[in-house]
Amino acid sequence: MTLAELRQQLDALRLPGDTIVIIAKDSEGNRYSPLVEAHHAMYRADTTWAGEWYMPESQRLAEDDPDDWTQAPDDAVPAVFLWPTN
């Protein structure tokens, strides 16, 4: 799903802005958690259902330990990551 597709689906729901966002633990709906943050980072798919997250270099400079950083591979793409509360 792209960000544009997500926006379109959310707009179609016509919900008020104070509606809480909950994300599923897995595709089978085996637990749920409130969404706490959204971040921009780089993503490299390992398979069609899983991959790796890479912090952008711009964020690395703001981290407490800037040496704890792995550069994204050339085939990584920009992505939005949604983080659950738990």
Protein backbone atom coordinates (compact mmCIF):
# COMPACT_ATOMS: atom_id res chain seq x y z
CA MET A 1 0.00 0.00 0.00
CA THR A 2 1.25 3.47 -0.78
CA LEU A 3 0.73 6.60 1.29
CA ALA A 4 -1.71 7.87 -1.35
CA GLU A 5 -3.75 4.66 -1.10
CA LEU A 6 -3.80 4.88 2.70
CA ARG A 7 -4.96 8.50 2.55
CA GLN A 8 -7.71 7.56 0.09
CA GLN A 9 -8.96 4.72 2.29
CA LEU A 10 -8.91 6.88 5.42
CA ASP A 11 -10.70 9.73 3.64
CA ALA A 12 -13.40 7.31 2.46
CA LEU A 13 -14.16 6.35 6.07
CA ARG A 14 -15.21 9.95 6.86
CA LEU A 15 -14.30 9.66 10.53
CA PRO A 16 -13.65 12.58 12.89
CA GLY A 17 -10.07 13.66 13.44
CA ASP A 18 -10.04 12.48 17.05
CA THR A 19 -10.72 8.82 16.10
CA ILE A 20 -8.09 6.56 17.69
CA VAL A 21 -5.90 4.51 15.33
CA ILE A 22 -5.29 0.85 16.26
CA ILE A 23 -2.95 -1.48 14.41
CA ALA A 24 -2.99 -5.27 14.31
CA LYS A 25 -0.08 -7.31 15.64
CA ASP A 26 -0.30 -9.57 12.59
CA SER A 27 -2.40 -10.20 9.49
CA GLU A 28 -4.58 -12.70 11.37
CA GLY A 29 -5.67 -10.13 13.96
CA ASN A 30 -4.12 -11.95 16.93
CA ARG A 31 -3.86 -8.82 19.11
CA TYR A 32 -4.09 -5.07 18.64
CA SER A 33 -2.25 -1.98 19.85
CA PRO A 34 -2.87 1.77 19.54
CA LEU A 35 -0.68 3.56 17.02
CA VAL A 36 1.83 5.76 18.83
CA GLU A 37 4.13 7.20 16.12
CA ALA A 38 4.77 7.44 12.42
CA HIS A 39 8.32 7.79 11.08
CA HIS A 40 9.97 8.26 7.72
CA ALA A 41 12.80 5.83 7.07
CA MET A 42 14.17 3.54 4.37
CA TYR A 43 12.85 0.03 3.69
CA ARG A 44 14.41 -2.92 1.93
CA ALA A 45 12.17 -5.93 1.29
CA ASP A 46 13.65 -9.35 2.06
CA THR A 47 10.45 -11.10 0.94
CA THR A 48 6.99 -9.97 -0.17
CA TRP A 49 5.88 -9.85 3.51
CA ALA A 50 8.96 -8.78 5.49
CA GLY A 51 12.04 -6.60 5.26
CA GLU A 52 14.44 -4.29 7.07
CA TRP A 53 14.14 -0.74 8.41
CA TYR A 54 17.01 1.72 7.97
CA MET A 55 17.21 5.06 9.71
CA PRO A 56 17.82 7.97 7.32
CA GLU A 57 21.23 9.58 7.72
CA SER A 58 19.51 12.86 8.69
CA GLN A 59 18.05 11.14 11.78
CA ARG A 60 21.38 9.50 12.61
CA LEU A 61 22.89 12.88 13.38
CA ALA A 62 20.18 13.57 15.99
CA GLU A 63 20.53 10.23 17.79
CA ASP A 64 22.37 9.73 21.09
CA ASP A 65 24.76 7.23 19.48
CA PRO A 66 25.36 8.31 15.88
CA ASP A 67 27.87 5.47 15.39
CA ASP A 68 25.11 2.88 15.89
CA TRP A 69 23.85 3.25 12.32
CA THR A 70 23.72 1.09 9.21
CA GLN A 71 23.49 2.77 5.83
CA ALA A 72 20.51 1.66 3.77
CA PRO A 73 21.34 -0.54 0.77
CA ASP A 74 21.03 1.01 -2.68
CA ASP A 75 17.76 -0.83 -3.33
CA ALA A 76 16.05 0.49 -0.18
CA VAL A 77 13.08 2.80 -0.76
CA PRO A 78 11.57 5.64 1.32
CA ALA A 79 8.71 4.43 3.50
CA VAL A 80 6.40 5.46 6.33
CA PHE A 81 6.66 3.23 9.40
CA LEU A 82 3.79 3.00 11.88
CA TRP A 83 4.80 2.06 15.43
CA PRO A 84 2.42 0.40 17.91
CA THR A 85 2.27 1.30 21.59
CA ASN A 86 3.12 -2.28 22.46
